[in-house]
Amino acid sequence: MTAELSLHNLAVWAAQVFVITLIGALLPVVFRMRHSRSKLLYNRLLLVTALLLAGGLLLPTYLY
C-alpha cells in the first residue's frame, strides 16, 4: 500500500509540474514578454513554484 501511495503521489506531483510548466511556458509568448531581465525573473519564479510543489508547501497532499 505504501508503494502504491508513493507512486500515486509521484504521478500527481509530475502532473502538477507538467501543467505549471506548460502554462508557464505559454504565458510569456501570450503577453509578448521581451525584456531579458523580466524573462529571467519569470523563469526563476516558475522554477521556485515547481520546487515548492515537490516539498508539498503549495498544495499539501491531504487536499486531494
Protein backbone atom coordinates (compact mmCIF):
# COMPACT_ATOMS: atom_id res chain seq x y z
CA MET A 1 0.00 0.00 0.00
CA THR A 2 2.85 2.39 0.75
CA ALA A 3 4.36 1.80 -2.68
CA GLU A 4 1.01 2.50 -4.32
CA LEU A 5 0.63 5.77 -2.43
CA SER A 6 4.19 6.78 -3.27
CA LEU A 7 3.61 6.14 -6.96
CA HIS A 8 0.30 8.00 -6.80
CA ASN A 9 1.95 10.99 -5.10
CA LEU A 10 4.74 10.96 -7.70
CA ALA A 11 2.23 10.87 -10.54
CA VAL A 12 0.18 13.72 -9.06
CA TRP A 13 3.29 15.82 -8.50
CA ALA A 14 4.51 15.15 -12.05
CA ALA A 15 1.13 16.18 -13.44
CA GLN A 16 1.15 19.40 -11.40
CA VAL A 17 4.67 20.28 -12.52
CA PHE A 18 3.77 19.50 -16.13
CA VAL A 19 0.70 21.75 -16.08
CA ILE A 20 2.54 24.60 -14.35
CA THR A 21 5.46 24.31 -16.78
CA LEU A 22 3.18 24.16 -19.80
CA ILE A 23 1.18 27.20 -18.73
CA GLY A 24 4.36 28.93 -17.60
CA ALA A 25 5.96 28.41 -21.00
CA LEU A 26 2.95 29.81 -22.83
CA LEU A 27 2.37 32.95 -20.76
CA PRO A 28 5.48 34.88 -21.89
CA VAL A 29 4.50 34.24 -25.51
CA VAL A 30 0.91 35.35 -24.93
CA PHE A 31 1.97 38.52 -23.11
CA ARG A 32 4.90 39.13 -25.50
CA MET A 33 7.49 39.35 -22.79
CA ARG A 34 10.62 40.70 -24.49
CA HIS A 35 12.74 42.15 -21.70
CA SER A 36 15.50 39.70 -20.76
CA ARG A 37 15.51 40.55 -17.04
CA SER A 38 11.77 40.06 -16.86
CA LYS A 39 12.12 36.68 -18.55
CA LEU A 40 14.87 35.68 -16.12
CA LEU A 41 12.80 36.68 -13.09
CA TYR A 42 9.74 34.94 -14.51
CA ASN A 43 11.65 31.70 -15.17
CA ARG A 44 13.14 31.75 -11.68
CA LEU A 45 9.69 32.17 -10.13
CA LEU A 46 8.43 29.31 -12.27
CA LEU A 47 11.29 27.11 -11.04
CA VAL A 48 10.66 28.02 -7.40
CA THR A 49 6.97 27.22 -7.84
CA ALA A 50 7.77 23.77 -9.23
CA LEU A 51 10.25 23.10 -6.43
CA LEU A 52 7.77 24.19 -3.76
CA LEU A 53 5.29 21.72 -5.21
CA ALA A 54 7.88 18.99 -4.69
CA GLY A 55 8.07 19.83 -0.99
CA GLY A 56 4.29 19.94 -0.65
CA LEU A 57 4.38 23.55 0.50
CA LEU A 58 1.98 24.93 -2.09
CA LEU A 59 -0.54 22.09 -2.27
CA PRO A 60 -0.37 19.78 0.74
CA THR A 61 -1.11 16.15 -0.04
CA TYR A 62 -4.15 16.00 2.24
CA LEU A 63 -6.11 18.31 -0.09
CA TYR A 64 -6.60 15.67 -2.78
